[in-house]
Amino acid sequence: MIQQISQFNNNQTFQQKVKLLESNDLSPIQNSTVSSFLGTKDISAQVFKANSVTFTGKKVADNLKIEDVQAARVFDSRGFPTVEVTITLKGGVKASAIVPSGASTGSREALELRDGGKEYSGKDVSKAINNVNKRIKKEIIDLDVTNQALIDGTMIKLDGTDNKSKLGANAILAVSMACARAAAEAQGIPLYEHLAKQYRYSTGNSETNYVEAAENKKVVHRYQKPKKLPVPMMNVINGGAHAPAGPDLQEFMIIPVGAKNFEEAMKMGTETFQALKKIIDQKRKDAIASGKDPREVAFATTVGDEGGFAPPVATKEALGMIRQAIQDAGYEGKIKMGLDSASSEFYKEEDNKYHLEKEGLVLTSEEMVDYYKDLKKDFPEIISIEDGMAEKDWDGWKLLTKEMGKTTQIVGDDLYVTNPSILQRGIEEKATNSVLIKLNQIGTVSETLDAIRMADNAGFTAVVSHRSGETEDPFIADLVVGTNAGQIKTGSLCRTDRMAKYNQLLRIERELNERSGEPIFPLPEGKLKTTYPGLKIFAKAYSTQAAGLQEAD
């Protein structure tokens, strides 16, 4: 091998040198020899990169092998236990990840394993923790941490159920996320870049066998450099299961499509959020001035699970307040609005109708679609509706998309639960033109990447999302950039568990532009290497192909 290296033509490309090394055992070769051959001085990370090519010889792979896996109990933003996993590699790298938890959940989500009983109100996760420390650990020790498909496939096979109910999706996902982060750190690259490389192997296939895919690992898609920062969908008024005192619909969002970059989107969003706070506070003052007891005035600027305000108002009043806040902040026309109805929460199967209790309405599927059309007529700023229909009301979904899909992004959350198999049905039946992506709905990084790929292949948009029970872990910020998905939902503009994701996206935007040679501040218009898709990302959903509609002759 050393003789081969000495005879190798130094005029050959780095990739050609890597290809030679890939076919040989590095064990007997001194670091200095390899370093000289590759033309690099620092191989302390034991990984050699050539553009999108990462080479690991046998000696390098030892340092990338998983040495230890430890799970522990931590707490989410609602004060309930959740799972944190720390992965230790033989090369000394350590990395951790924490899984979130949802409040309004789809019935077909991967199972979040809880203990039941009295402790922690039945929400403890000691069973999931034990499954990591005693069962999963034994199966993944010595696996190559950069082989995400093999790690995830091994856990899926070990669990052996359709919904990960044996080991718990919270146990499996914590390991999956921690391995991705450890792989990135071991390679000396950002997490979003590592996820971008893993995304190349995603098939968009609902029948993927991840163990077989890992054994036959080959690039399915061309590597796309992470450069697209997402348009944020900022939840500023909470209702439904997140804030029972608020409106029937669960989330009212502002969407800064007119920003030039993510940093400006944050400026627009935070200023509008503060303007909304003043409007709500003024309503409280007006109520007190009219003679109402201050203790009985519900117009307080307290917030719901995701950091949005929760005033006791009906849907149209909430939208009117948001419109006024956008105008007061000076962003009329630059900020649009979105809804997450979480309709499964107020759909009753006994009569197959939607019960909007705050508004005194009981609606059929057809009437519910008309309800949204009426909202859109009064508030044309609405450009996205998530979970507009219940997860079992497939005919209602198809009608909603047929009626509104040309002008509105119709997002399936509980309908799809980030499951490629269910998403495939939605694509075939033209049920929506967009899918919400939640890591813990499906339970592994690999399956999540496949769901995003499937959506993209079908012309759907993919909205990467948090959960209502969040943590300080900003993993989804790297995920949305690594896949160039273009949209993110991560709550309101307060509470550290939400801001952690926004702040990570700001760091990523600055890092990508700094690495491109452009100054960090101010972000120069027209010179950025990153892109901000704005309204264009929604146009993808509006297209007749994505909506599954035919133009009239």
Protein backbone atom coordinates (compact mmCIF):
# COMPACT_ATOMS: atom_id res chain seq x y z
CA MET A 1 0.00 0.00 0.00
CA ILE A 2 2.78 2.42 0.89
CA GLN A 3 4.48 1.60 -2.40
CA GLN A 4 1.20 2.28 -4.22
CA ILE A 5 1.00 5.66 -2.54
CA SER A 6 4.55 6.58 -3.47
CA GLN A 7 3.91 5.66 -7.09
CA PHE A 8 0.60 7.53 -7.28
CA ASN A 9 0.62 10.55 -9.55
CA ASN A 10 0.33 13.68 -7.45
CA ASN A 11 -1.44 15.36 -10.34
CA GLN A 12 -4.45 13.12 -9.74
CA THR A 13 -7.49 14.58 -8.02
CA PHE A 14 -8.20 14.33 -4.33
CA GLN A 15 -11.21 12.14 -5.12
CA GLN A 16 -9.03 9.72 -7.08
CA LYS A 17 -6.65 9.44 -4.15
CA VAL A 18 -9.55 8.78 -1.81
CA LYS A 19 -10.81 6.06 -4.15
CA LEU A 20 -7.42 4.33 -3.93
CA LEU A 21 -7.48 4.51 -0.13
CA GLU A 22 -11.05 3.19 0.01
CA SER A 23 -9.97 -0.10 -1.51
CA ASN A 24 -7.18 -0.67 1.02
CA ASP A 25 -6.60 -1.20 4.71
CA LEU A 26 -5.17 1.84 6.48
CA SER A 27 -4.11 -0.04 9.60
CA PRO A 28 -0.37 -0.40 8.80
CA ILE A 29 0.02 3.13 7.46
CA GLN A 30 1.35 6.00 9.50
CA ASN A 31 -0.83 9.09 9.82
CA SER A 32 1.99 11.18 8.39
CA THR A 33 2.09 9.04 5.23
CA VAL A 34 -1.64 9.39 4.64
CA SER A 35 -1.51 13.07 5.52
CA SER A 36 1.25 13.70 2.99
CA PHE A 37 -0.52 11.66 0.34
CA LEU A 38 -3.81 13.55 0.74
CA GLY A 39 -2.11 16.91 0.97
CA THR A 40 -3.55 17.75 4.39
CA LYS A 41 -1.72 18.44 7.63
CA ASP A 42 -4.54 17.80 10.11
CA ILE A 43 -6.09 14.33 10.20
CA SER A 44 -6.81 14.43 13.91
CA ALA A 45 -10.51 13.83 13.21
CA GLN A 46 -9.50 10.63 11.38
CA VAL A 47 -11.78 11.56 8.49
CA PHE A 48 -10.76 12.79 5.06
CA LYS A 49 -13.23 14.85 3.05
CA ALA A 50 -13.26 15.53 -0.67
CA ASN A 51 -16.16 17.81 -1.41
CA SER A 52 -19.15 15.51 -0.76
CA VAL A 53 -16.94 12.41 -0.43
CA THR A 54 -16.06 11.14 3.02
CA PHE A 55 -13.48 8.38 3.29
CA THR A 56 -13.03 6.14 6.31
CA GLY A 57 -10.48 3.34 6.14
CA LYS A 58 -10.38 0.51 8.69
CA LYS A 59 -8.32 2.46 11.18
CA VAL A 60 -10.56 5.50 10.84
CA ALA A 61 -13.70 3.40 11.16
CA ASP A 62 -12.54 2.17 14.57
CA ASN A 63 -12.66 5.74 15.83
CA LEU A 64 -16.16 6.14 14.41
CA LYS A 65 -17.53 3.03 16.09
CA ILE A 66 -20.05 3.38 18.88
CA GLU A 67 -18.48 2.58 22.24
CA ASP A 68 -21.25 3.46 24.69
CA VAL A 69 -24.92 4.43 24.76
CA GLN A 70 -26.51 5.97 27.84
CA ALA A 71 -30.10 7.18 28.28
CA ALA A 72 -31.35 9.37 31.10
CA ARG A 73 -34.46 11.23 32.22
CA VAL A 74 -34.73 14.97 31.52
CA PHE A 75 -37.80 17.22 31.25
CA ASP A 76 -39.63 18.91 28.41
CA SER A 77 -41.22 22.36 28.24
CA ARG A 78 -44.41 21.16 29.92
CA GLY A 79 -42.53 19.69 32.87
CA PHE A 80 -42.99 16.06 31.83
CA PRO A 81 -40.15 13.52 31.68
CA THR A 82 -38.53 12.77 28.34
CA VAL A 83 -35.50 10.83 27.11
CA GLU A 84 -31.97 12.11 26.55
CA VAL A 85 -29.37 9.82 24.99
CA THR A 86 -25.61 10.32 24.96
CA ILE A 87 -23.51 8.45 22.39
CA THR A 88 -19.78 7.92 23.01
CA LEU A 89 -17.50 6.89 20.15
CA LYS A 90 -14.21 4.99 20.41
CA GLY A 91 -12.45 8.08 19.12
CA GLY A 92 -13.64 9.98 22.22
CA VAL A 93 -16.45 12.03 20.68
CA LYS A 94 -19.59 12.42 22.80
CA ALA A 95 -22.94 13.80 21.61
CA SER A 96 -26.44 13.93 23.04
CA ALA A 97 -30.02 14.44 21.86
CA ILE A 98 -33.38 14.94 23.56
CA VAL A 99 -36.75 13.88 22.13
CA PRO A 100 -39.86 16.13 22.26
CA SER A 101 -43.47 15.15 22.94
CA GLY A 102 -46.80 16.11 21.37
CA ALA A 103 -50.14 17.15 22.92
CA SER A 104 -52.52 16.74 19.97
CA THR A 105 -51.28 13.51 18.44
CA GLY A 106 -52.34 11.45 15.47
CA SER A 107 -53.71 8.00 16.30
CA ARG A 108 -51.19 6.37 13.94
CA GLU A 109 -48.07 8.02 15.33
CA ALA A 110 -45.20 5.88 16.49
CA LEU A 111 -45.80 5.06 20.17
CA GLU A 112 -44.23 7.26 22.82
CA LEU A 113 -43.56 4.76 25.60
CA ARG A 114 -44.70 5.98 29.03
CA ASP A 115 -44.77 4.07 32.32
CA GLY A 116 -48.31 4.78 33.48
CA GLY A 117 -49.05 4.59 37.19
CA LYS A 118 -48.86 7.42 39.71
CA GLU A 119 -45.33 8.76 39.33
CA TYR A 120 -45.04 11.84 37.15
CA SER A 121 -48.79 11.59 36.52
CA GLY A 122 -48.17 8.41 34.56
CA LYS A 123 -45.78 10.19 32.22
CA ASP A 124 -42.47 8.72 33.37
CA VAL A 125 -40.11 7.23 30.78
CA SER A 126 -38.09 4.73 32.82
CA LYS A 127 -39.22 1.88 30.53
CA ALA A 128 -37.93 3.72 27.47
CA ILE A 129 -34.67 4.53 29.27
CA ASN A 130 -34.17 0.90 30.24
CA ASN A 131 -34.84 -0.18 26.66
CA VAL A 132 -32.00 2.04 25.49
CA ASN A 133 -29.54 1.08 28.22
CA LYS A 134 -30.24 -2.66 28.25
CA ARG A 135 -31.53 -3.62 24.82
CA ILE A 136 -30.70 -1.09 22.11
CA LYS A 137 -27.19 -0.52 23.43
CA LYS A 138 -26.20 -4.18 22.97
CA GLU A 139 -27.31 -4.15 19.34
CA ILE A 140 -25.58 -0.98 18.16
CA ILE A 141 -22.25 -1.13 20.02
CA ASP A 142 -19.41 -1.19 17.44
CA LEU A 143 -21.62 0.00 14.58
CA ASP A 144 -20.27 2.79 12.39
CA VAL A 145 -21.97 5.94 13.66
CA THR A 146 -21.94 7.50 10.18
CA ASN A 147 -24.14 4.70 8.83
CA GLN A 148 -27.49 6.14 9.91
CA ALA A 149 -29.55 3.64 7.91
CA LEU A 150 -27.85 0.67 9.55
CA ILE A 151 -28.31 2.06 13.06
CA ASP A 152 -31.96 2.94 12.46
CA GLY A 153 -32.66 -0.31 10.64
CA THR A 154 -31.12 -2.31 13.48
CA MET A 155 -33.43 -0.63 16.00
CA ILE A 156 -36.49 -1.01 13.77
CA LYS A 157 -35.75 -4.72 13.38
CA LEU A 158 -35.14 -5.13 17.11
CA ASP A 159 -38.48 -3.48 17.90
CA GLY A 160 -40.38 -5.52 15.33
CA THR A 161 -43.66 -3.59 15.48
CA ASP A 162 -45.31 -1.21 13.04
CA ASN A 163 -45.49 1.66 15.54
CA LYS A 164 -42.33 1.05 17.63
CA SER A 165 -44.47 0.09 20.62
CA LYS A 166 -42.07 -2.54 21.93
CA LEU A 167 -39.06 -0.29 22.56
CA GLY A 168 -40.82 3.05 22.32
CA ALA A 169 -40.38 5.67 19.60
CA ASN A 170 -38.99 8.04 22.23
CA ALA A 171 -36.22 5.52 23.01
CA ILE A 172 -35.42 4.77 19.36
CA LEU A 173 -35.52 8.39 18.19
CA ALA A 174 -33.28 9.66 21.00
CA VAL A 175 -30.62 7.16 19.90
CA SER A 176 -31.13 7.97 16.22
CA MET A 177 -30.75 11.72 16.73
CA ALA A 178 -27.77 11.37 19.08
CA CYS A 179 -25.99 9.14 16.55
CA ALA A 180 -26.50 11.72 13.79
CA ARG A 181 -25.06 14.44 15.99
CA ALA A 182 -22.10 12.26 17.05
CA ALA A 183 -21.39 11.41 13.40
CA ALA A 184 -21.29 15.09 12.49
CA GLU A 185 -18.99 15.97 15.37
CA ALA A 186 -16.68 13.04 14.63
CA GLN A 187 -16.32 14.21 11.03
CA GLY A 188 -15.75 17.80 12.07
CA ILE A 189 -18.74 19.07 10.09
CA PRO A 190 -21.99 20.80 11.11
CA LEU A 191 -25.02 18.60 11.76
CA TYR A 192 -26.92 20.12 8.82
CA GLU A 193 -24.11 19.13 6.47
CA HIS A 194 -24.06 15.57 7.76
CA LEU A 195 -27.85 15.35 7.37
CA ALA A 196 -27.53 16.69 3.82
CA LYS A 197 -25.17 13.83 3.02
CA GLN A 198 -27.51 11.28 4.61
CA TYR A 199 -30.36 12.78 2.61
CA ARG A 200 -28.57 11.65 -0.56
CA TYR A 201 -29.35 8.07 0.43
CA SER A 202 -33.05 8.67 1.11
CA THR A 203 -35.24 6.75 -1.31
CA GLY A 204 -38.66 8.30 -0.82
CA ASN A 205 -39.83 4.68 -0.72
CA SER A 206 -42.43 3.60 1.82
CA GLU A 207 -41.11 0.02 1.78
CA THR A 208 -37.45 0.77 2.50
CA ASN A 209 -35.60 -1.94 4.46
CA TYR A 210 -32.98 0.15 6.23
CA VAL A 211 -30.67 -2.72 7.12
CA GLU A 212 -30.54 -3.86 3.49
CA ALA A 213 -30.20 -0.25 2.35
CA ALA A 214 -27.21 0.17 4.65
CA GLU A 215 -25.55 -2.98 3.36
CA ASN A 216 -26.04 -1.85 -0.24
CA LYS A 217 -25.31 1.77 0.56
CA LYS A 218 -25.26 3.82 -2.58
CA VAL A 219 -26.02 7.39 -3.46
CA VAL A 220 -29.60 7.64 -4.71
CA HIS A 221 -29.68 11.40 -5.18
CA ARG A 222 -27.17 14.05 -6.10
CA TYR A 223 -25.71 15.89 -3.14
CA GLN A 224 -27.28 19.32 -2.69
CA LYS A 225 -25.31 21.78 -0.65
CA PRO A 226 -27.33 23.12 2.30
CA LYS A 227 -28.09 26.73 1.49
CA LYS A 228 -31.85 27.30 1.81
CA LEU A 229 -32.95 28.88 5.08
CA PRO A 230 -36.59 28.13 5.90
CA VAL A 231 -39.58 30.43 5.94
CA PRO A 232 -40.79 30.28 9.57
CA MET A 233 -44.44 29.75 10.45
CA MET A 234 -44.67 31.55 13.80
CA ASN A 235 -47.48 30.55 16.15
CA VAL A 236 -48.65 33.78 17.80
CA ILE A 237 -52.14 32.82 19.05
CA ASN A 238 -52.78 29.41 20.65
CA GLY A 239 -56.10 27.64 21.02
CA GLY A 240 -57.44 24.11 21.02
CA ALA A 241 -55.50 21.53 23.02
CA HIS A 242 -52.61 23.98 23.51
CA ALA A 243 -54.72 26.66 25.20
CA PRO A 244 -58.28 25.60 26.15
CA ALA A 245 -59.33 29.18 26.93
CA GLY A 246 -58.46 30.28 23.40
CA PRO A 247 -60.15 29.72 20.01
CA ASP A 248 -61.36 26.33 18.75
CA LEU A 249 -58.58 26.19 16.15
CA GLN A 250 -55.22 25.31 17.64
CA GLU A 251 -52.69 27.64 16.01
CA PHE A 252 -52.75 31.03 14.31
CA MET A 253 -49.45 31.75 12.59
CA ILE A 254 -47.67 34.64 10.94
CA ILE A 255 -45.48 33.86 7.92
CA PRO A 256 -42.88 36.51 6.93
CA VAL A 257 -42.72 35.72 3.22
CA GLY A 258 -41.50 39.22 2.32
CA ALA A 259 -38.20 38.97 4.17
CA LYS A 260 -34.92 39.03 2.25
CA ASN A 261 -33.26 36.51 4.56
CA PHE A 262 -33.92 34.59 7.77
CA GLU A 263 -32.51 37.30 10.00
CA GLU A 264 -34.97 39.81 8.57
CA ALA A 265 -37.77 37.26 8.93
CA MET A 266 -37.01 37.13 12.64
CA LYS A 267 -37.10 40.93 12.88
CA MET A 268 -40.47 41.03 11.16
CA GLY A 269 -41.87 38.24 13.29
CA THR A 270 -40.71 39.52 16.66
CA GLU A 271 -41.90 43.06 15.98
CA THR A 272 -45.33 41.78 14.96
CA PHE A 273 -45.48 39.55 18.03
CA GLN A 274 -44.82 42.54 20.28
CA ALA A 275 -47.44 44.59 18.41
CA LEU A 276 -49.96 41.79 19.02
CA LYS A 277 -49.11 41.80 22.72
CA LYS A 278 -49.98 45.51 22.89
CA ILE A 279 -53.32 44.91 21.17
CA ILE A 280 -54.28 42.14 23.60
CA ASP A 281 -53.12 44.17 26.59
CA GLN A 282 -55.17 47.15 25.43
CA LYS A 283 -58.28 44.95 25.26
CA ARG A 284 -57.66 44.01 28.89
CA LYS A 285 -57.31 47.66 29.91
CA ASP A 286 -60.47 48.58 28.01
CA ALA A 287 -62.41 45.80 29.72
CA ILE A 288 -61.28 46.97 33.16
CA ALA A 289 -62.10 50.60 32.28
CA SER A 290 -65.64 49.52 31.38
CA GLY A 291 -66.17 48.34 34.95
CA LYS A 292 -65.27 44.66 34.77
CA ASP A 293 -63.52 43.04 37.73
CA PRO A 294 -59.78 42.73 36.84
CA ARG A 295 -59.82 39.20 38.25
CA GLU A 296 -62.46 38.19 35.71
CA VAL A 297 -60.79 39.72 32.67
CA ALA A 298 -59.34 36.93 30.56
CA PHE A 299 -57.45 39.17 28.13
CA ALA A 300 -54.09 38.56 29.76
CA THR A 301 -50.89 38.27 27.76
CA THR A 302 -50.12 34.84 29.19
CA VAL A 303 -49.09 32.21 26.65
CA GLY A 304 -49.98 28.65 25.66
CA ASP A 305 -47.81 25.55 25.33
CA GLU A 306 -46.00 26.86 22.25
CA GLY A 307 -45.55 30.42 23.43
CA GLY A 308 -48.46 32.04 21.62
CA PHE A 309 -51.00 34.25 23.33
CA ALA A 310 -54.30 32.62 24.31
CA PRO A 311 -57.06 35.27 24.37
CA PRO A 312 -60.68 34.09 24.75
CA VAL A 313 -61.73 34.97 21.22
CA ALA A 314 -63.35 33.23 18.25
CA THR A 315 -61.45 32.46 15.06
CA LYS A 316 -62.26 35.59 13.06
CA GLU A 317 -61.50 37.88 15.99
CA ALA A 318 -58.12 36.19 16.42
CA LEU A 319 -57.34 36.67 12.72
CA GLY A 320 -58.45 40.30 12.92
CA MET A 321 -56.12 40.95 15.85
CA ILE A 322 -53.21 39.41 13.93
CA ARG A 323 -54.00 41.48 10.85
CA GLN A 324 -53.99 44.62 13.00
CA ALA A 325 -50.66 43.62 14.57
CA ILE A 326 -49.09 43.13 11.13
CA GLN A 327 -50.30 46.57 10.08
CA ASP A 328 -49.14 48.20 13.32
CA ALA A 329 -45.69 46.67 12.87
CA GLY A 330 -45.53 48.03 9.31
CA TYR A 331 -45.45 44.70 7.46
CA GLU A 332 -48.78 44.66 5.62
CA GLY A 333 -48.36 42.58 2.47
CA LYS A 334 -45.03 41.15 3.68
CA ILE A 335 -46.42 38.86 6.36
CA LYS A 336 -49.08 36.28 5.54
CA MET A 337 -51.10 34.06 7.88
CA GLY A 338 -51.48 30.32 8.42
CA LEU A 339 -53.76 28.07 10.46
CA ASP A 340 -53.31 24.74 12.20
CA SER A 341 -56.85 23.66 13.01
CA ALA A 342 -55.99 20.28 14.61
CA SER A 343 -59.44 19.24 13.44
CA SER A 344 -59.19 15.72 14.79
CA GLU A 345 -59.49 17.27 18.24
CA PHE A 346 -63.03 18.56 17.59
CA TYR A 347 -64.26 15.94 15.11
CA LYS A 348 -66.68 13.42 16.61
CA GLU A 349 -66.95 10.03 14.97
CA GLU A 350 -70.39 9.32 16.44
CA ASP A 351 -71.93 11.87 14.10
CA ASN A 352 -69.00 12.45 11.70
CA LYS A 353 -69.17 16.18 12.30
CA TYR A 354 -66.92 19.00 13.44
CA HIS A 355 -67.90 20.64 16.75
CA LEU A 356 -66.59 24.19 17.10
CA GLU A 357 -67.82 24.75 20.65
CA LYS A 358 -66.58 28.34 21.09
CA GLU A 359 -68.51 29.36 17.97
CA GLY A 360 -71.52 27.11 18.61
CA LEU A 361 -71.10 25.36 15.26
CA VAL A 362 -71.60 21.71 14.30
CA LEU A 363 -70.47 21.18 10.70
CA THR A 364 -70.39 18.38 8.14
CA SER A 365 -67.22 17.87 6.08
CA GLU A 366 -68.67 19.93 3.23
CA GLU A 367 -69.65 22.69 5.65
CA MET A 368 -66.21 22.65 7.21
CA VAL A 369 -64.66 23.23 3.79
CA ASP A 370 -67.10 26.12 3.26
CA TYR A 371 -66.04 27.46 6.66
CA TYR A 372 -62.42 27.67 5.47
CA LYS A 373 -63.45 29.22 2.16
CA ASP A 374 -65.33 31.90 4.10
CA LEU A 375 -62.24 32.56 6.24
CA LYS A 376 -60.12 32.84 3.11
CA LYS A 377 -62.62 35.28 1.58
CA ASP A 378 -62.46 37.55 4.63
CA PHE A 379 -58.73 37.01 5.20
CA PRO A 380 -57.02 36.40 1.84
CA GLU A 381 -53.70 36.63 3.70
CA ILE A 382 -54.23 32.99 4.74
CA ILE A 383 -51.84 30.95 2.60
CA SER A 384 -51.58 27.70 4.61
CA ILE A 385 -54.08 25.47 6.42
CA GLU A 386 -52.76 22.52 8.43
CA ASP A 387 -54.96 19.66 9.63
CA GLY A 388 -58.03 21.36 8.23
CA MET A 389 -59.88 18.06 8.33
CA ALA A 390 -59.81 15.11 10.74
CA GLU A 391 -57.27 12.35 10.15
CA LYS A 392 -59.97 9.80 9.26
CA ASP A 393 -61.95 12.11 6.99
CA TRP A 394 -60.15 11.33 3.73
CA ASP A 395 -63.06 12.44 1.57
CA GLY A 396 -63.10 15.76 3.44
CA TRP A 397 -59.38 16.21 2.80
CA LYS A 398 -59.76 15.58 -0.92
CA LEU A 399 -62.61 18.07 -1.11
CA LEU A 400 -60.62 20.72 0.79
CA THR A 401 -57.64 20.32 -1.54
CA LYS A 402 -59.84 20.35 -4.62
CA GLU A 403 -61.60 23.53 -3.50
CA MET A 404 -58.64 25.45 -2.07
CA GLY A 405 -55.43 23.74 -3.17
CA LYS A 406 -54.73 26.16 -6.02
CA THR A 407 -54.38 29.14 -3.68
CA THR A 408 -53.62 27.58 -0.31
CA GLN A 409 -51.03 25.18 1.06
CA ILE A 410 -53.02 22.23 2.48
CA VAL A 411 -50.82 20.50 5.07
CA GLY A 412 -51.38 16.99 6.41
CA ASP A 413 -50.10 16.37 9.94
CA ASP A 414 -52.27 13.91 11.89
CA LEU A 415 -53.33 12.58 8.48
CA TYR A 416 -49.81 11.37 7.61
CA VAL A 417 -47.86 11.30 10.92
CA THR A 418 -44.62 11.55 8.88
CA ASN A 419 -45.18 7.96 7.74
CA PRO A 420 -44.04 7.32 4.14
CA SER A 421 -46.60 4.54 3.70
CA ILE A 422 -49.53 6.79 4.62
CA LEU A 423 -48.07 9.73 2.71
CA GLN A 424 -47.97 7.55 -0.41
CA ARG A 425 -51.74 7.12 -0.15
CA GLY A 426 -52.19 10.88 0.19
CA ILE A 427 -50.12 11.47 -2.93
CA GLU A 428 -52.10 8.90 -4.92
CA GLU A 429 -55.49 10.17 -3.73
CA LYS A 430 -54.54 13.86 -4.05
CA ALA A 431 -55.57 14.48 -0.45
CA THR A 432 -53.20 17.44 0.21
CA ASN A 433 -50.35 19.33 -1.41
CA SER A 434 -48.06 19.43 1.64
CA VAL A 435 -46.91 17.30 4.57
CA LEU A 436 -45.84 18.22 8.09
CA ILE A 437 -42.62 16.54 9.21
CA LYS A 438 -42.19 15.56 12.86
CA LEU A 439 -39.30 13.32 13.85
CA ASN A 440 -41.07 11.70 16.78
CA GLN A 441 -44.18 10.81 14.75
CA ILE A 442 -42.20 8.18 12.85
CA GLY A 443 -39.31 7.61 15.26
CA THR A 444 -36.03 7.59 13.30
CA VAL A 445 -33.93 10.06 11.33
CA SER A 446 -33.80 7.73 8.31
CA GLU A 447 -37.57 7.39 7.99
CA THR A 448 -37.96 11.14 8.43
CA LEU A 449 -35.55 11.78 5.55
CA ASP A 450 -37.50 9.34 3.39
CA ALA A 451 -40.77 11.16 4.12
CA ILE A 452 -39.23 14.49 3.09
CA ARG A 453 -37.80 12.91 -0.07
CA MET A 454 -41.14 11.33 -0.96
CA ALA A 455 -42.89 14.69 -0.58
CA ASP A 456 -40.33 16.44 -2.75
CA ASN A 457 -40.53 13.76 -5.43
CA ALA A 458 -44.31 14.23 -5.55
CA GLY A 459 -44.12 18.01 -5.84
CA PHE A 460 -45.40 18.46 -2.28
CA THR A 461 -43.93 20.94 0.16
CA ALA A 462 -42.56 19.63 3.46
CA VAL A 463 -42.86 21.67 6.66
CA VAL A 464 -40.38 20.57 9.35
CA SER A 465 -42.04 20.92 12.75
CA HIS A 466 -41.47 20.94 16.50
CA ARG A 467 -43.86 19.47 19.10
CA SER A 468 -45.81 21.24 21.81
CA GLY A 469 -43.72 19.54 24.50
CA GLU A 470 -40.31 20.77 23.35
CA THR A 471 -36.78 20.93 24.72
CA GLU A 472 -33.66 23.01 24.24
CA ASP A 473 -32.44 20.60 21.52
CA PRO A 474 -32.40 22.49 18.15
CA PHE A 475 -32.05 19.36 15.96
CA ILE A 476 -34.91 20.33 13.63
CA ALA A 477 -33.14 23.57 12.68
CA ASP A 478 -30.27 21.55 11.20
CA LEU A 479 -32.74 19.09 9.66
CA VAL A 480 -34.66 21.75 7.72
CA VAL A 481 -31.45 23.29 6.35
CA GLY A 482 -29.80 19.94 5.61
CA THR A 483 -32.76 18.85 3.47
CA ASN A 484 -33.39 22.31 1.93
CA ALA A 485 -37.05 21.78 2.90
CA GLY A 486 -37.78 25.50 2.97
CA GLN A 487 -40.34 25.77 5.79
CA ILE A 488 -40.25 25.34 9.56
CA LYS A 489 -42.80 25.44 12.35
CA THR A 490 -41.24 25.88 15.76
CA GLY A 491 -43.71 27.85 17.80
CA SER A 492 -44.00 31.40 18.94
CA LEU A 493 -41.46 34.13 19.54
CA CYS A 494 -40.96 33.60 23.24
CA ARG A 495 -39.98 30.66 25.52
CA THR A 496 -36.44 29.37 25.27
CA ASP A 497 -37.52 25.94 24.00
CA ARG A 498 -38.89 27.68 20.88
CA MET A 499 -36.24 30.36 20.51
CA ALA A 500 -33.48 27.73 20.62
CA LYS A 501 -34.47 26.62 17.12
CA TYR A 502 -34.72 30.16 15.74
CA ASN A 503 -31.35 31.05 17.26
CA GLN A 504 -29.75 27.97 15.74
CA LEU A 505 -31.09 28.95 12.32
CA LEU A 506 -29.58 32.42 12.74
CA ARG A 507 -26.23 30.81 13.57
CA ILE A 508 -26.47 28.54 10.54
CA GLU A 509 -27.29 31.45 8.22
CA ARG A 510 -24.31 33.44 9.52
CA GLU A 511 -22.01 30.43 9.34
CA LEU A 512 -22.93 29.55 5.77
CA ASN A 513 -22.43 33.12 4.62
CA GLU A 514 -19.21 33.52 6.60
CA ARG A 515 -17.85 30.33 5.04
CA SER A 516 -18.73 31.72 1.62
CA GLY A 517 -16.45 34.68 2.25
CA GLU A 518 -19.23 37.19 2.76
CA PRO A 519 -19.35 39.37 5.89
CA ILE A 520 -21.57 38.18 8.74
CA PHE A 521 -23.18 41.52 9.58
CA PRO A 522 -24.98 43.10 7.99
CA LEU A 523 -26.18 40.34 5.71
CA PRO A 524 -25.64 41.98 2.30
CA GLU A 525 -28.60 41.98 -0.07
CA GLY A 526 -27.91 40.18 -3.32
CA LYS A 527 -24.56 38.76 -2.19
CA LEU A 528 -25.62 35.93 0.10
CA LYS A 529 -24.73 32.33 -0.62
CA THR A 530 -27.80 31.26 1.34
CA THR A 531 -31.29 31.66 -0.06
CA TYR A 532 -34.64 32.53 1.54
CA PRO A 533 -37.51 31.17 -0.57
CA GLY A 534 -40.28 33.47 0.68
CA LEU A 535 -43.61 33.09 -1.11
CA LYS A 536 -42.03 30.92 -3.83
CA ILE A 537 -41.97 27.88 -1.56
CA PHE A 538 -45.76 28.09 -1.21
CA ALA A 539 -46.19 28.42 -4.96
CA LYS A 540 -44.79 24.91 -5.20
CA ALA A 541 -47.77 23.66 -3.20
CA TYR A 542 -50.21 25.76 -5.21
CA SER A 543 -49.13 24.26 -8.52
CA THR A 544 -51.79 22.17 -10.21
CA GLN A 545 -49.47 19.18 -10.29
CA ALA A 546 -48.83 19.31 -6.54
CA ALA A 547 -52.49 19.94 -5.72
CA GLY A 548 -53.49 17.13 -8.04
CA LEU A 549 -55.85 19.34 -10.00
CA GLN A 550 -56.44 19.66 -13.73
CA GLU A 551 -56.59 22.99 -15.51
CA ALA A 552 -59.86 23.61 -17.36
CA ASP A 553 -59.64 23.24 -21.14
